[in-house]
Amino acid sequence: ASSARPPVSAPVAGMGDKPAATLQEVLPKAGLVYSEKGNLSEVLCKPKIMPLKSITLERLEEMEKAAAEFAAQQQAEAERMMK
C-alpha cells in the first residue's frame, strides 16, 4: 500500500484561481508523529506584587506639588506688591 497522495495544486495570490504550483505531500514511512491537539491548556503563573505607584510617578507628583506651591508664593508676592 502506497502512502503517497495525489499532488495538491495551490493557487498563487493575485493570479486568479489558476493553480500555479504543484505540491507533493510526503508522509514519513517510519518515525514518530507528534501531536499536541488534546494537550493544550492554560498555564497560570504566580501573581507578581507590584507597587501601586511607581517611584517615577511619586517623584513627578512631588515636583508638581512643589511647582504649584512655588507658583502660589509668587502670585501672593505679586499681589502684595500691587497693593
Protein backbone atom coordinates (compact mmCIF):
# COMPACT_ATOMS: atom_id res chain seq x y z
CA ALA A 1 0.00 0.00 0.00
CA SER A 2 1.43 3.31 -1.06
CA SER A 3 1.10 6.27 1.32
CA ALA A 4 1.68 8.83 -1.44
CA ARG A 5 -1.29 11.03 -2.25
CA PRO A 6 -2.06 12.78 -5.50
CA PRO A 7 -0.38 16.18 -5.96
CA VAL A 8 -2.16 19.18 -4.45
CA SER A 9 -2.49 22.33 -6.54
CA ALA A 10 -2.16 25.62 -4.67
CA PRO A 11 -3.32 28.93 -6.16
CA VAL A 12 -0.85 31.82 -6.13
CA ALA A 13 -2.05 35.14 -4.69
CA GLY A 14 -3.02 37.65 -7.34
CA MET A 15 -3.15 35.10 -10.15
CA GLY A 16 -6.88 34.34 -10.03
CA ASP A 17 -7.99 30.77 -9.46
CA LYS A 18 -5.43 29.14 -11.75
CA PRO A 19 -3.21 26.64 -9.92
CA ALA A 20 0.38 27.80 -10.46
CA ALA A 21 2.38 25.35 -8.33
CA THR A 22 2.03 21.66 -7.65
CA LEU A 23 2.92 20.49 -4.15
CA GLN A 24 3.67 16.85 -3.44
CA GLU A 25 2.65 15.75 0.06
CA VAL A 26 5.23 13.48 1.69
CA LEU A 27 4.35 11.27 4.64
CA PRO A 28 7.16 9.51 6.52
CA LYS A 29 7.04 5.71 6.42
CA ALA A 30 8.89 5.39 9.74
CA GLY A 31 9.32 7.62 12.76
CA LEU A 32 7.16 9.35 15.31
CA VAL A 33 4.42 11.87 14.64
CA TYR A 34 3.92 14.44 17.39
CA SER A 35 0.51 15.97 18.00
CA GLU A 36 -0.44 18.28 20.87
CA LYS A 37 -4.03 19.00 19.91
CA GLY A 38 -5.56 17.47 23.03
CA ASN A 39 -2.88 18.59 25.49
CA LEU A 40 -3.33 22.36 25.18
CA SER A 41 -4.38 24.10 28.37
CA GLU A 42 -3.88 27.39 30.18
CA VAL A 43 -0.86 27.80 32.43
CA LEU A 44 -1.27 30.15 35.37
CA CYS A 45 1.69 31.99 36.88
CA LYS A 46 2.25 33.14 40.42
CA PRO A 47 0.87 36.67 40.85
CA LYS A 48 3.51 39.37 41.00
CA ILE A 49 3.38 42.03 43.71
CA MET A 50 3.61 45.42 42.09
CA PRO A 51 3.66 48.86 43.74
CA LEU A 52 0.51 50.96 43.46
CA LYS A 53 2.60 53.93 42.32
CA SER A 54 5.97 53.80 40.64
CA ILE A 55 8.90 55.74 42.09
CA THR A 56 8.97 57.92 38.98
CA LEU A 57 5.28 58.81 39.38
CA GLU A 58 5.84 59.70 43.05
CA ARG A 59 8.77 61.97 42.10
CA LEU A 60 6.70 63.61 39.37
CA GLU A 61 3.85 64.26 41.82
CA GLU A 62 6.31 65.78 44.33
CA MET A 63 7.73 68.05 41.61
CA GLU A 64 4.24 69.16 40.55
CA LYS A 65 3.31 69.87 44.18
CA ALA A 66 6.49 71.91 44.71
CA ALA A 67 5.88 73.83 41.45
CA ALA A 68 2.29 74.59 42.49
CA GLU A 69 3.45 75.84 45.91
CA PHE A 70 6.14 77.99 44.28
CA ALA A 71 3.60 79.45 41.83
CA ALA A 72 1.22 80.22 44.72
CA GLN A 73 4.03 82.01 46.61
CA GLN A 74 4.95 84.04 43.52
CA GLN A 75 1.33 85.02 42.97
CA ALA A 76 0.92 86.02 46.64
CA GLU A 77 4.08 88.18 46.44
CA ALA A 78 2.88 89.79 43.23
CA GLU A 79 -0.48 90.65 44.86
CA ARG A 80 1.32 92.20 47.86
CA MET A 81 3.46 94.32 45.54
CA MET A 82 0.34 95.58 43.73
CA LYS A 83 -1.28 96.88 46.96
